[in-house]
């Protein structure tokens, strides 16, 4: 046999051997599902394997819709309360300190309408002060909102969320929902899962290879609410204190960290009195989730704020320094330009 043929034969044998070595993790995965039968040294070099889709091995195909409209209604309701408190105690508008006013958000209508809110004053002089400065005030402290209309006879001013801010909120809500679903799937231990977006408000989840028992567990895990609605807890001090006592009792401890919060151990938590703060919304949801009594109407809302992670009580930074604003701008620019 010539050297040329000898080389071809050895090359062919080498390729066949390499192919078999590459396919071995796939073969053992089918024969012994969920078990590691190959040596760790082997899988270090040959760790990839073929994955059968739902059409070949069955499993779960679920579609979820993110209710961004309801989330925007809650955001507007929370902002209405915050704006009222801000106007009554703002150093920016000292003329309004102690002013009597009501700020209401809308519950009905399309997305543009439910993100509107109206501030109604009791006195004409207070209305006039805010009417003159509403545009600059919103632009400085709440740039996602804008002036829409005013009624001098009713002493009311209507504001609304900018369309660009609404679009951004919807995208972030969908991204957050996807992140939450992925974390729940990872905590459940489902392999070869797929979570993808469809249209502007839908999420598709595919979990191949699950049996009937695993199907029920996975579906229950994914069906857990990803959004808690918050309203002011009862004005009765004893009832609200009892509510927060229950919430604080579910404070995650490092020595007994909940499996539901796997991967969030690095986040900060502050709980004192009727105040609960955390750098993770999922931790807040976990603490509040099972403490709502069916016979009481608690409405709980979350609002993103800026805080120094080194601050033990995570106090809100209400006025950012120039250095902090530059740092946030740099992070946003990095997040928007970095490859995925």
C-alpha atoms as a PDB file:
ATOM      1  CA  UNK A   1       0.000   0.000   0.000  1.00  0.00           C
ATOM      2  CA  UNK A   2       1.384   3.390  -0.957  1.00  0.00           C
ATOM      3  CA  UNK A   3       2.119   6.059   1.603  1.00  0.00           C
ATOM      4  CA  UNK A   4      -0.662   8.177   0.140  1.00  0.00           C
ATOM      5  CA  UNK A   5      -3.287   5.508   0.823  1.00  0.00           C
ATOM      6  CA  UNK A   6      -1.806   4.765   4.239  1.00  0.00           C
ATOM      7  CA  UNK A   7      -2.221   8.411   5.203  1.00  0.00           C
ATOM      8  CA  UNK A   8      -5.803   8.436   3.977  1.00  0.00           C
ATOM      9  CA  UNK A   9      -6.669   5.309   5.957  1.00  0.00           C
ATOM     10  CA  UNK A  10      -5.136   6.681   9.149  1.00  0.00           C
ATOM     11  CA  UNK A  11      -6.926   9.998   8.586  1.00  0.00           C
ATOM     12  CA  UNK A  12     -10.255   8.220   8.121  1.00  0.00           C
ATOM     13  CA  UNK A  13      -9.731   6.114  11.250  1.00  0.00           C
ATOM     14  CA  UNK A  14      -8.835   9.239  13.208  1.00  0.00           C
ATOM     15  CA  UNK A  15     -11.993  11.062  12.064  1.00  0.00           C
ATOM     16  CA  UNK A  16     -14.191   8.067  12.919  1.00  0.00           C
ATOM     17  CA  UNK A  17     -12.597   7.815  16.368  1.00  0.00           C
ATOM     18  CA  UNK A  18     -13.007  11.551  16.968  1.00  0.00           C
ATOM     19  CA  UNK A  19     -16.646  11.390  15.869  1.00  0.00           C
ATOM     20  CA  UNK A  20     -17.360   8.499  18.226  1.00  0.00           C
ATOM     21  CA  UNK A  21     -15.629  10.288  21.094  1.00  0.00           C
ATOM     22  CA  UNK A  22     -17.708  13.404  20.401  1.00  0.00           C
ATOM     23  CA  UNK A  23     -20.961  11.429  20.204  1.00  0.00           C
ATOM     24  CA  UNK A  24     -20.303   9.369  23.361  1.00  0.00           C
ATOM     25  CA  UNK A  25     -21.702  12.046  25.768  1.00  0.00           C
ATOM     26  CA  UNK A  26     -24.876  12.125  23.643  1.00  0.00           C
ATOM     27  CA  UNK A  27     -25.218   8.325  23.636  1.00  0.00           C
ATOM     28  CA  UNK A  28     -24.681   7.993  27.399  1.00  0.00           C
ATOM     29  CA  UNK A  29     -27.073  10.890  27.962  1.00  0.00           C
ATOM     30  CA  UNK A  30     -29.843   9.005  26.156  1.00  0.00           C
ATOM     31  CA  UNK A  31     -29.029   5.697  27.883  1.00  0.00           C
ATOM     32  CA  UNK A  32     -28.592   7.112  31.385  1.00  0.00           C
ATOM     33  CA  UNK A  33     -30.608  10.368  31.569  1.00  0.00           C
ATOM     34  CA  UNK A  34     -29.669  12.613  34.449  1.00  0.00           C
ATOM     35  CA  UNK A  35     -26.583  10.585  35.363  1.00  0.00           C
ATOM     36  CA  UNK A  36     -22.891  11.346  34.883  1.00  0.00           C
ATOM     37  CA  UNK A  37     -21.351   8.049  33.750  1.00  0.00           C
ATOM     38  CA  UNK A  38     -18.277   9.407  31.951  1.00  0.00           C
ATOM     39  CA  UNK A  39     -15.083  10.430  33.786  1.00  0.00           C
ATOM     40  CA  UNK A  40     -14.749  14.149  34.499  1.00  0.00           C
ATOM     41  CA  UNK A  41     -11.471  14.224  32.550  1.00  0.00           C
ATOM     42  CA  UNK A  42     -13.295  12.935  29.478  1.00  0.00           C
ATOM     43  CA  UNK A  43     -16.200  15.395  29.666  1.00  0.00           C
ATOM     44  CA  UNK A  44     -13.716  18.212  30.135  1.00  0.00           C
ATOM     45  CA  UNK A  45     -12.722  17.829  26.483  1.00  0.00           C
ATOM     46  CA  UNK A  46     -15.936  16.321  25.089  1.00  0.00           C
ATOM     47  CA  UNK A  47     -18.769  17.993  26.985  1.00  0.00           C
ATOM     48  CA  UNK A  48     -21.127  18.999  24.157  1.00  0.00           C
ATOM     49  CA  UNK A  49     -23.935  16.683  23.130  1.00  0.00           C
ATOM     50  CA  UNK A  50     -26.889  16.625  20.787  1.00  0.00           C
ATOM     51  CA  UNK A  51     -30.154  17.874  22.259  1.00  0.00           C
ATOM     52  CA  UNK A  52     -33.491  16.614  20.989  1.00  0.00           C
ATOM     53  CA  UNK A  53     -36.240  19.180  20.637  1.00  0.00           C
ATOM     54  CA  UNK A  54     -39.852  18.961  21.758  1.00  0.00           C
ATOM     55  CA  UNK A  55     -40.859  17.307  18.485  1.00  0.00           C
ATOM     56  CA  UNK A  56     -38.540  14.325  19.191  1.00  0.00           C
ATOM     57  CA  UNK A  57     -38.595  13.832  22.958  1.00  0.00           C
ATOM     58  CA  UNK A  58     -41.718  15.688  24.080  1.00  0.00           C
ATOM     59  CA  UNK A  59     -41.936  18.110  26.993  1.00  0.00           C
ATOM     60  CA  UNK A  60     -43.568  21.438  27.814  1.00  0.00           C
ATOM     61  CA  UNK A  61     -44.375  24.287  25.463  1.00  0.00           C
ATOM     62  CA  UNK A  62     -45.851  27.267  27.320  1.00  0.00           C
ATOM     63  CA  UNK A  63     -46.686  30.811  26.302  1.00  0.00           C
ATOM     64  CA  UNK A  64     -47.005  33.664  28.776  1.00  0.00           C
ATOM     65  CA  UNK A  65     -48.245  37.191  28.265  1.00  0.00           C
ATOM     66  CA  UNK A  66     -46.754  40.030  30.310  1.00  0.00           C
ATOM     67  CA  UNK A  67     -49.519  42.348  31.536  1.00  0.00           C
ATOM     68  CA  UNK A  68     -47.615  45.603  31.148  1.00  0.00           C
ATOM     69  CA  UNK A  69     -50.843  47.616  31.236  1.00  0.00           C
ATOM     70  CA  UNK A  70     -51.583  46.500  34.797  1.00  0.00           C
ATOM     71  CA  UNK A  71     -47.958  47.144  35.752  1.00  0.00           C
ATOM     72  CA  UNK A  72     -48.205  50.679  34.350  1.00  0.00           C
ATOM     73  CA  UNK A  73     -51.436  51.275  36.308  1.00  0.00           C
ATOM     74  CA  UNK A  74     -49.619  50.307  39.509  1.00  0.00           C
ATOM     75  CA  UNK A  75     -46.624  52.434  38.603  1.00  0.00           C
ATOM     76  CA  UNK A  76     -48.873  55.471  38.062  1.00  0.00           C
ATOM     77  CA  UNK A  77     -50.679  54.823  41.345  1.00  0.00           C
ATOM     78  CA  UNK A  78     -47.387  54.659  43.227  1.00  0.00           C
ATOM     79  CA  UNK A  79     -46.111  57.777  41.491  1.00  0.00           C
ATOM     80  CA  UNK A  80     -49.290  59.677  42.390  1.00  0.00           C
ATOM     81  CA  UNK A  81     -48.688  59.024  46.081  1.00  0.00           C
ATOM     82  CA  UNK A  82     -44.999  59.878  45.785  1.00  0.00           C
ATOM     83  CA  UNK A  83     -45.696  63.118  43.908  1.00  0.00           C
ATOM     84  CA  UNK A  84     -48.230  64.263  46.492  1.00  0.00           C
ATOM     85  CA  UNK A  85     -45.774  63.696  49.341  1.00  0.00           C
ATOM     86  CA  UNK A  86     -42.982  65.333  47.354  1.00  0.00           C
ATOM     87  CA  UNK A  87     -45.007  68.490  46.627  1.00  0.00           C
ATOM     88  CA  UNK A  88     -46.105  68.836  50.243  1.00  0.00           C
ATOM     89  CA  UNK A  89     -42.538  68.612  51.561  1.00  0.00           C
ATOM     90  CA  UNK A  90     -40.342  69.721  48.653  1.00  0.00           C
ATOM     91  CA  UNK A  91     -37.508  72.201  49.154  1.00  0.00           C
ATOM     92  CA  UNK A  92     -37.736  72.890  45.425  1.00  0.00           C
ATOM     93  CA  UNK A  93     -41.253  74.348  45.841  1.00  0.00           C
ATOM     94  CA  UNK A  94     -41.343  75.707  49.418  1.00  0.00           C
ATOM     95  CA  UNK A  95     -44.587  77.565  48.679  1.00  0.00           C
ATOM     96  CA  UNK A  96     -46.400  74.219  48.531  1.00  0.00           C
ATOM     97  CA  UNK A  97     -45.259  72.904  51.907  1.00  0.00           C
ATOM     98  CA  UNK A  98     -48.323  71.754  53.784  1.00  0.00           C
ATOM     99  CA  UNK A  99     -50.599  72.443  50.808  1.00  0.00           C
ATOM    100  CA  UNK A 100     -53.814  70.441  50.560  1.00  0.00           C
ATOM    101  CA  UNK A 101     -53.973  68.547  47.306  1.00  0.00           C
ATOM    102  CA  UNK A 102     -55.051  65.247  45.845  1.00  0.00           C
ATOM    103  CA  UNK A 103     -53.122  63.392  43.140  1.00  0.00           C
ATOM    104  CA  UNK A 104     -55.119  60.695  41.360  1.00  0.00           C
ATOM    105  CA  UNK A 105     -54.184  58.281  38.616  1.00  0.00           C
ATOM    106  CA  UNK A 106     -56.541  56.753  36.056  1.00  0.00           C
ATOM    107  CA  UNK A 107     -57.641  53.125  36.133  1.00  0.00           C
ATOM    108  CA  UNK A 108     -59.513  52.948  32.842  1.00  0.00           C
ATOM    109  CA  UNK A 109     -58.486  53.554  29.248  1.00  0.00           C
ATOM    110  CA  UNK A 110     -55.592  52.607  27.006  1.00  0.00           C
ATOM    111  CA  UNK A 111     -51.936  52.623  28.017  1.00  0.00           C
ATOM    112  CA  UNK A 112     -51.507  56.333  27.313  1.00  0.00           C
ATOM    113  CA  UNK A 113     -54.540  57.127  29.492  1.00  0.00           C
ATOM    114  CA  UNK A 114     -53.762  54.907  32.494  1.00  0.00           C
ATOM    115  CA  UNK A 115     -50.316  56.533  32.765  1.00  0.00           C
ATOM    116  CA  UNK A 116     -51.897  59.944  33.317  1.00  0.00           C
ATOM    117  CA  UNK A 117     -52.474  61.523  36.724  1.00  0.00           C
ATOM    118  CA  UNK A 118     -54.143  64.716  37.896  1.00  0.00           C
ATOM    119  CA  UNK A 119     -53.085  66.976  40.762  1.00  0.00           C
ATOM    120  CA  UNK A 120     -56.014  68.949  42.236  1.00  0.00           C
ATOM    121  CA  UNK A 121     -55.377  71.788  44.708  1.00  0.00           C
ATOM    122  CA  UNK A 122     -57.672  73.284  47.326  1.00  0.00           C
ATOM    123  CA  UNK A 123     -56.294  76.822  47.007  1.00  0.00           C
ATOM    124  CA  UNK A 124     -55.785  78.888  43.867  1.00  0.00           C
ATOM    125  CA  UNK A 125     -52.400  80.227  45.021  1.00  0.00           C
ATOM    126  CA  UNK A 126     -51.009  76.696  45.389  1.00  0.00           C
ATOM    127  CA  UNK A 127     -52.376  75.747  41.979  1.00  0.00           C
ATOM    128  CA  UNK A 128     -50.749  78.850  40.446  1.00  0.00           C
ATOM    129  CA  UNK A 129     -47.333  78.001  41.947  1.00  0.00           C
ATOM    130  CA  UNK A 130     -47.312  74.490  40.535  1.00  0.00           C
ATOM    131  CA  UNK A 131     -48.825  75.606  37.228  1.00  0.00           C
ATOM    132  CA  UNK A 132     -45.917  77.993  36.677  1.00  0.00           C
ATOM    133  CA  UNK A 133     -43.232  75.453  37.576  1.00  0.00           C
ATOM    134  CA  UNK A 134     -44.708  72.077  36.633  1.00  0.00           C
ATOM    135  CA  UNK A 135     -42.695  71.734  33.406  1.00  0.00           C
ATOM    136  CA  UNK A 136     -39.339  72.570  34.980  1.00  0.00           C
ATOM    137  CA  UNK A 137     -40.136  70.491  38.073  1.00  0.00           C
ATOM    138  CA  UNK A 138     -40.958  67.374  36.074  1.00  0.00           C
ATOM    139  CA  UNK A 139     -38.014  67.911  33.729  1.00  0.00           C
ATOM    140  CA  UNK A 140     -35.605  68.116  36.640  1.00  0.00           C
ATOM    141  CA  UNK A 141     -36.885  65.366  38.944  1.00  0.00           C
ATOM    142  CA  UNK A 142     -39.248  63.187  36.885  1.00  0.00           C
ATOM    143  CA  UNK A 143     -38.181  63.479  33.222  1.00  0.00           C
ATOM    144  CA  UNK A 144     -40.226  60.425  32.235  1.00  0.00           C
ATOM    145  CA  UNK A 145     -43.369  62.503  32.831  1.00  0.00           C
ATOM    146  CA  UNK A 146     -44.639  65.603  31.039  1.00  0.00           C
ATOM    147  CA  UNK A 147     -47.324  68.285  31.424  1.00  0.00           C
ATOM    148  CA  UNK A 148     -50.489  67.554  29.419  1.00  0.00           C
ATOM    149  CA  UNK A 149     -53.267  69.946  30.425  1.00  0.00           C
ATOM    150  CA  UNK A 150     -54.702  72.080  33.210  1.00  0.00           C
ATOM    151  CA  UNK A 151     -58.085  73.343  34.355  1.00  0.00           C
ATOM    152  CA  UNK A 152     -58.012  76.723  36.105  1.00  0.00           C
ATOM    153  CA  UNK A 153     -61.599  76.446  37.306  1.00  0.00           C
ATOM    154  CA  UNK A 154     -61.055  73.017  38.842  1.00  0.00           C
ATOM    155  CA  UNK A 155     -57.537  73.999  40.049  1.00  0.00           C
ATOM    156  CA  UNK A 156     -56.174  70.815  38.505  1.00  0.00           C
ATOM    157  CA  UNK A 157     -53.112  69.910  36.415  1.00  0.00           C
ATOM    158  CA  UNK A 158     -52.845  66.736  34.361  1.00  0.00           C
ATOM    159  CA  UNK A 159     -49.529  65.005  33.703  1.00  0.00           C
ATOM    160  CA  UNK A 160     -48.648  61.848  31.815  1.00  0.00           C
ATOM    161  CA  UNK A 161     -45.846  59.414  31.150  1.00  0.00           C
ATOM    162  CA  UNK A 162     -43.896  60.107  27.971  1.00  0.00           C
ATOM    163  CA  UNK A 163     -44.366  57.592  25.163  1.00  0.00           C
ATOM    164  CA  UNK A 164     -40.635  56.831  25.107  1.00  0.00           C
ATOM    165  CA  UNK A 165     -40.736  56.081  28.850  1.00  0.00           C
ATOM    166  CA  UNK A 166     -43.749  53.785  28.367  1.00  0.00           C
ATOM    167  CA  UNK A 167     -41.957  51.857  25.619  1.00  0.00           C
ATOM    168  CA  UNK A 168     -38.837  51.536  27.773  1.00  0.00           C
ATOM    169  CA  UNK A 169     -40.898  50.324  30.736  1.00  0.00           C
ATOM    170  CA  UNK A 170     -42.590  47.667  28.590  1.00  0.00           C
ATOM    171  CA  UNK A 171     -39.250  46.383  27.288  1.00  0.00           C
ATOM    172  CA  UNK A 172     -37.766  46.290  30.794  1.00  0.00           C
ATOM    173  CA  UNK A 173     -40.858  44.485  32.145  1.00  0.00           C
ATOM    174  CA  UNK A 174     -40.526  41.800  29.482  1.00  0.00           C
ATOM    175  CA  UNK A 175     -36.779  41.441  30.103  1.00  0.00           C
ATOM    176  CA  UNK A 176     -37.397  41.157  33.848  1.00  0.00           C
ATOM    177  CA  UNK A 177     -40.079  38.514  33.329  1.00  0.00           C
ATOM    178  CA  UNK A 178     -37.719  36.479  31.123  1.00  0.00           C
ATOM    179  CA  UNK A 179     -34.961  36.766  33.727  1.00  0.00           C
ATOM    180  CA  UNK A 180     -37.339  35.633  36.486  1.00  0.00           C
ATOM    181  CA  UNK A 181     -38.544  32.617  34.467  1.00  0.00           C
ATOM    182  CA  UNK A 182     -34.981  31.599  33.615  1.00  0.00           C
ATOM    183  CA  UNK A 183     -33.967  31.793  37.272  1.00  0.00           C
ATOM    184  CA  UNK A 184     -36.933  29.663  38.324  1.00  0.00           C
ATOM    185  CA  UNK A 185     -36.125  27.085  35.663  1.00  0.00           C
ATOM    186  CA  UNK A 186     -32.473  26.973  36.771  1.00  0.00           C
ATOM    187  CA  UNK A 187     -33.521  26.572  40.408  1.00  0.00           C
ATOM    188  CA  UNK A 188     -35.797  23.705  39.374  1.00  0.00           C
ATOM    189  CA  UNK A 189     -32.903  22.034  37.560  1.00  0.00           C
ATOM    190  CA  UNK A 190     -34.425  21.674  34.093  1.00  0.00           C
ATOM    191  CA  UNK A 191     -31.754  21.138  31.441  1.00  0.00           C
ATOM    192  CA  UNK A 192     -31.867  22.193  27.773  1.00  0.00           C
ATOM    193  CA  UNK A 193     -34.570  24.763  28.457  1.00  0.00           C
ATOM    194  CA  UNK A 194     -35.395  27.579  26.072  1.00  0.00           C
ATOM    195  CA  UNK A 195     -36.929  30.926  27.018  1.00  0.00           C
ATOM    196  CA  UNK A 196     -37.564  33.403  24.218  1.00  0.00           C
ATOM    197  CA  UNK A 197     -39.691  36.450  23.499  1.00  0.00           C
ATOM    198  CA  UNK A 198     -42.449  36.669  20.936  1.00  0.00           C
ATOM    199  CA  UNK A 199     -43.930  39.964  19.782  1.00  0.00           C
ATOM    200  CA  UNK A 200     -43.799  42.771  22.345  1.00  0.00           C
ATOM    201  CA  UNK A 201     -45.536  41.115  25.279  1.00  0.00           C
ATOM    202  CA  UNK A 202     -45.225  37.329  25.025  1.00  0.00           C
ATOM    203  CA  UNK A 203     -42.716  34.795  26.358  1.00  0.00           C
ATOM    204  CA  UNK A 204     -42.314  31.262  24.984  1.00  0.00           C
ATOM    205  CA  UNK A 205     -40.935  28.560  27.313  1.00  0.00           C
ATOM    206  CA  UNK A 206     -39.830  25.148  26.033  1.00  0.00           C
ATOM    207  CA  UNK A 207     -38.767  22.418  28.447  1.00  0.00           C
ATOM    208  CA  UNK A 208     -37.976  19.229  26.500  1.00  0.00           C
ATOM    209  CA  UNK A 209     -37.787  15.745  28.004  1.00  0.00           C
ATOM    210  CA  UNK A 210     -39.924  16.215  31.132  1.00  0.00           C
ATOM    211  CA  UNK A 211     -42.096  13.384  32.405  1.00  0.00           C
ATOM    212  CA  UNK A 212     -45.620  13.845  33.765  1.00  0.00           C
ATOM    213  CA  UNK A 213     -44.488  14.373  37.367  1.00  0.00           C
ATOM    214  CA  UNK A 214     -41.804  16.875  36.392  1.00  0.00           C
ATOM    215  CA  UNK A 215     -44.306  18.616  34.123  1.00  0.00           C
ATOM    216  CA  UNK A 216     -46.579  19.411  37.071  1.00  0.00           C
ATOM    217  CA  UNK A 217     -43.736  20.705  39.222  1.00  0.00           C
ATOM    218  CA  UNK A 218     -42.283  22.869  36.476  1.00  0.00           C
ATOM    219  CA  UNK A 219     -45.655  24.345  35.551  1.00  0.00           C
ATOM    220  CA  UNK A 220     -46.388  25.156  39.185  1.00  0.00           C
ATOM    221  CA  UNK A 221     -42.981  26.776  39.552  1.00  0.00           C
ATOM    222  CA  UNK A 222     -43.431  28.928  36.463  1.00  0.00           C
ATOM    223  CA  UNK A 223     -46.999  29.866  37.372  1.00  0.00           C
ATOM    224  CA  UNK A 224     -45.886  31.727  40.478  1.00  0.00           C
ATOM    225  CA  UNK A 225     -46.688  35.404  40.170  1.00  0.00           C
ATOM    226  CA  UNK A 226     -43.900  37.615  38.937  1.00  0.00           C
ATOM    227  CA  UNK A 227     -45.563  40.853  40.032  1.00  0.00           C
ATOM    228  CA  UNK A 228     -46.989  41.852  43.385  1.00  0.00           C
ATOM    229  CA  UNK A 229     -49.496  44.702  43.379  1.00  0.00           C
ATOM    230  CA  UNK A 230     -48.995  47.132  46.166  1.00  0.00           C
ATOM    231  CA  UNK A 231     -51.437  49.535  47.690  1.00  0.00           C
ATOM    232  CA  UNK A 232     -50.938  51.474  50.918  1.00  0.00           C
ATOM    233  CA  UNK A 233     -51.213  49.046  53.796  1.00  0.00           C
ATOM    234  CA  UNK A 234     -54.125  49.802  56.162  1.00  0.00           C
ATOM    235  CA  UNK A 235     -53.952  53.133  57.910  1.00  0.00           C
ATOM    236  CA  UNK A 236     -54.640  51.239  61.130  1.00  0.00           C
ATOM    237  CA  UNK A 237     -51.174  51.186  62.708  1.00  0.00           C
ATOM    238  CA  UNK A 238     -51.741  47.878  64.513  1.00  0.00           C
ATOM    239  CA  UNK A 239     -52.763  46.106  61.283  1.00  0.00           C
ATOM    240  CA  UNK A 240     -49.876  47.503  59.246  1.00  0.00           C
ATOM    241  CA  UNK A 241     -47.397  46.620  61.993  1.00  0.00           C
ATOM    242  CA  UNK A 242     -48.741  43.060  62.054  1.00  0.00           C
ATOM    243  CA  UNK A 243     -48.355  42.856  58.302  1.00  0.00           C
ATOM    244  CA  UNK A 244     -44.708  43.966  58.343  1.00  0.00           C
ATOM    245  CA  UNK A 245     -43.970  41.659  61.253  1.00  0.00           C
ATOM    246  CA  UNK A 246     -45.004  38.744  59.023  1.00  0.00           C
ATOM    247  CA  UNK A 247     -42.865  40.084  56.178  1.00  0.00           C
ATOM    248  CA  UNK A 248     -39.765  40.500  58.361  1.00  0.00           C
ATOM    249  CA  UNK A 249     -40.199  36.917  59.588  1.00  0.00           C
ATOM    250  CA  UNK A 250     -39.396  35.767  56.037  1.00  0.00           C
ATOM    251  CA  UNK A 251     -36.122  37.699  55.935  1.00  0.00           C
ATOM    252  CA  UNK A 252     -33.593  35.418  54.140  1.00  0.00           C
ATOM    253  CA  UNK A 253     -30.684  34.349  56.354  1.00  0.00           C
ATOM    254  CA  UNK A 254     -27.258  33.441  54.997  1.00  0.00           C
ATOM    255  CA  UNK A 255     -27.096  30.327  57.152  1.00  0.00           C
ATOM    256  CA  UNK A 256     -30.454  29.113  55.753  1.00  0.00           C
ATOM    257  CA  UNK A 257     -30.738  30.765  52.358  1.00  0.00           C
ATOM    258  CA  UNK A 258     -34.005  29.835  50.533  1.00  0.00           C
ATOM    259  CA  UNK A 259     -33.608  27.670  47.442  1.00  0.00           C
ATOM    260  CA  UNK A 260     -36.064  29.983  45.638  1.00  0.00           C
ATOM    261  CA  UNK A 261     -33.489  32.782  45.865  1.00  0.00           C
ATOM    262  CA  UNK A 262     -30.506  30.782  44.645  1.00  0.00           C
ATOM    263  CA  UNK A 263     -27.983  33.075  42.964  1.00  0.00           C
ATOM    264  CA  UNK A 264     -29.112  36.202  44.846  1.00  0.00           C
ATOM    265  CA  UNK A 265     -26.982  35.772  47.954  1.00  0.00           C
ATOM    266  CA  UNK A 266     -24.866  38.835  47.162  1.00  0.00           C
ATOM    267  CA  UNK A 267     -27.826  41.242  47.342  1.00  0.00           C
ATOM    268  CA  UNK A 268     -28.363  43.596  50.284  1.00  0.00           C
ATOM    269  CA  UNK A 269     -31.503  43.630  52.461  1.00  0.00           C
ATOM    270  CA  UNK A 270     -32.694  46.142  55.042  1.00  0.00           C
ATOM    271  CA  UNK A 271     -35.747  45.481  57.227  1.00  0.00           C
ATOM    272  CA  UNK A 272     -36.745  47.693  60.136  1.00  0.00           C
ATOM    273  CA  UNK A 273     -40.175  48.683  61.412  1.00  0.00           C
ATOM    274  CA  UNK A 274     -42.487  49.258  58.473  1.00  0.00           C
ATOM    275  CA  UNK A 275     -39.650  49.622  55.978  1.00  0.00           C
ATOM    276  CA  UNK A 276     -38.305  46.855  53.753  1.00  0.00           C
ATOM    277  CA  UNK A 277     -35.577  47.572  51.186  1.00  0.00           C
ATOM    278  CA  UNK A 278     -33.434  45.349  48.997  1.00  0.00           C
ATOM    279  CA  UNK A 279     -31.219  45.578  45.938  1.00  0.00           C
ATOM    280  CA  UNK A 280     -33.240  42.658  44.495  1.00  0.00           C
ATOM    281  CA  UNK A 281     -36.935  42.798  43.642  1.00  0.00           C
ATOM    282  CA  UNK A 282     -37.115  38.995  43.760  1.00  0.00           C
ATOM    283  CA  UNK A 283     -36.104  39.059  47.419  1.00  0.00           C
ATOM    284  CA  UNK A 284     -38.864  41.566  48.193  1.00  0.00           C
ATOM    285  CA  UNK A 285     -41.385  39.403  46.328  1.00  0.00           C
ATOM    286  CA  UNK A 286     -40.257  36.363  48.314  1.00  0.00           C
ATOM    287  CA  UNK A 287     -40.641  38.176  51.640  1.00  0.00           C
ATOM    288  CA  UNK A 288     -44.081  39.581  50.863  1.00  0.00           C
ATOM    289  CA  UNK A 289     -45.452  36.747  48.720  1.00  0.00           C
ATOM    290  CA  UNK A 290     -47.154  34.480  51.249  1.00  0.00           C
ATOM    291  CA  UNK A 291     -48.063  37.037  53.916  1.00  0.00           C
ATOM    292  CA  UNK A 292     -51.063  38.593  52.178  1.00  0.00           C
ATOM    293  CA  UNK A 293     -54.265  37.604  53.974  1.00  0.00           C
ATOM    294  CA  UNK A 294     -57.246  36.869  51.772  1.00  0.00           C
ATOM    295  CA  UNK A 295     -59.586  38.993  53.858  1.00  0.00           C
ATOM    296  CA  UNK A 296     -57.442  42.137  53.656  1.00  0.00           C
ATOM    297  CA  UNK A 297     -56.660  44.279  50.637  1.00  0.00           C
ATOM    298  CA  UNK A 298     -52.976  44.981  50.615  1.00  0.00           C
ATOM    299  CA  UNK A 299     -51.621  46.496  47.465  1.00  0.00           C
ATOM    300  CA  UNK A 300     -47.850  46.450  47.329  1.00  0.00           C
ATOM    301  CA  UNK A 301     -45.810  48.295  44.756  1.00  0.00           C
ATOM    302  CA  UNK A 302     -42.160  48.363  43.836  1.00  0.00           C
ATOM    303  CA  UNK A 303     -40.312  51.408  42.657  1.00  0.00           C
ATOM    304  CA  UNK A 304     -36.762  51.572  41.376  1.00  0.00           C
ATOM    305  CA  UNK A 305     -34.616  54.016  43.339  1.00  0.00           C
ATOM    306  CA  UNK A 306     -30.944  54.849  43.612  1.00  0.00           C
ATOM    307  CA  UNK A 307     -29.069  53.793  46.739  1.00  0.00           C
ATOM    308  CA  UNK A 308     -25.484  53.362  47.823  1.00  0.00           C
ATOM    309  CA  UNK A 309     -24.912  49.573  48.207  1.00  0.00           C
ATOM    310  CA  UNK A 310     -22.426  50.357  50.972  1.00  0.00           C
ATOM    311  CA  UNK A 311     -25.188  52.079  52.971  1.00  0.00           C
ATOM    312  CA  UNK A 312     -26.426  49.670  55.656  1.00  0.00           C
ATOM    313  CA  UNK A 313     -30.056  50.826  55.435  1.00  0.00           C
ATOM    314  CA  UNK A 314     -30.033  51.365  51.632  1.00  0.00           C
ATOM    315  CA  UNK A 315     -31.481  54.861  52.011  1.00  0.00           C
ATOM    316  CA  UNK A 316     -32.792  56.366  48.794  1.00  0.00           C
ATOM    317  CA  UNK A 317     -30.572  58.943  47.108  1.00  0.00           C
ATOM    318  CA  UNK A 318     -33.148  61.590  46.195  1.00  0.00           C
ATOM    319  CA  UNK A 319     -30.713  64.009  44.595  1.00  0.00           C
ATOM    320  CA  UNK A 320     -27.847  62.526  42.605  1.00  0.00           C
ATOM    321  CA  UNK A 321     -24.492  64.238  42.619  1.00  0.00           C
ATOM    322  CA  UNK A 322     -22.793  65.089  39.332  1.00  0.00           C
ATOM    323  CA  UNK A 323     -20.342  62.226  39.883  1.00  0.00           C
ATOM    324  CA  UNK A 324     -23.190  59.756  40.480  1.00  0.00           C
ATOM    325  CA  UNK A 325     -25.051  60.965  37.371  1.00  0.00           C
ATOM    326  CA  UNK A 326     -21.914  60.487  35.253  1.00  0.00           C
ATOM    327  CA  UNK A 327     -21.401  56.987  36.663  1.00  0.00           C
ATOM    328  CA  UNK A 328     -25.005  56.005  35.852  1.00  0.00           C
ATOM    329  CA  UNK A 329     -24.660  57.432  32.342  1.00  0.00           C
ATOM    330  CA  UNK A 330     -21.480  55.399  31.803  1.00  0.00           C
ATOM    331  CA  UNK A 331     -23.155  52.199  33.012  1.00  0.00           C
ATOM    332  CA  UNK A 332     -26.203  52.781  30.783  1.00  0.00           C
ATOM    333  CA  UNK A 333     -23.963  53.451  27.800  1.00  0.00           C
ATOM    334  CA  UNK A 334     -21.982  50.285  28.528  1.00  0.00           C
ATOM    335  CA  UNK A 335     -25.130  48.183  28.910  1.00  0.00           C
ATOM    336  CA  UNK A 336     -26.524  49.506  25.628  1.00  0.00           C
ATOM    337  CA  UNK A 337     -23.354  48.930  23.602  1.00  0.00           C
ATOM    338  CA  UNK A 338     -21.887  45.770  25.120  1.00  0.00           C
ATOM    339  CA  UNK A 339     -22.357  42.578  23.079  1.00  0.00           C
ATOM    340  CA  UNK A 340     -24.760  39.995  24.478  1.00  0.00           C
END
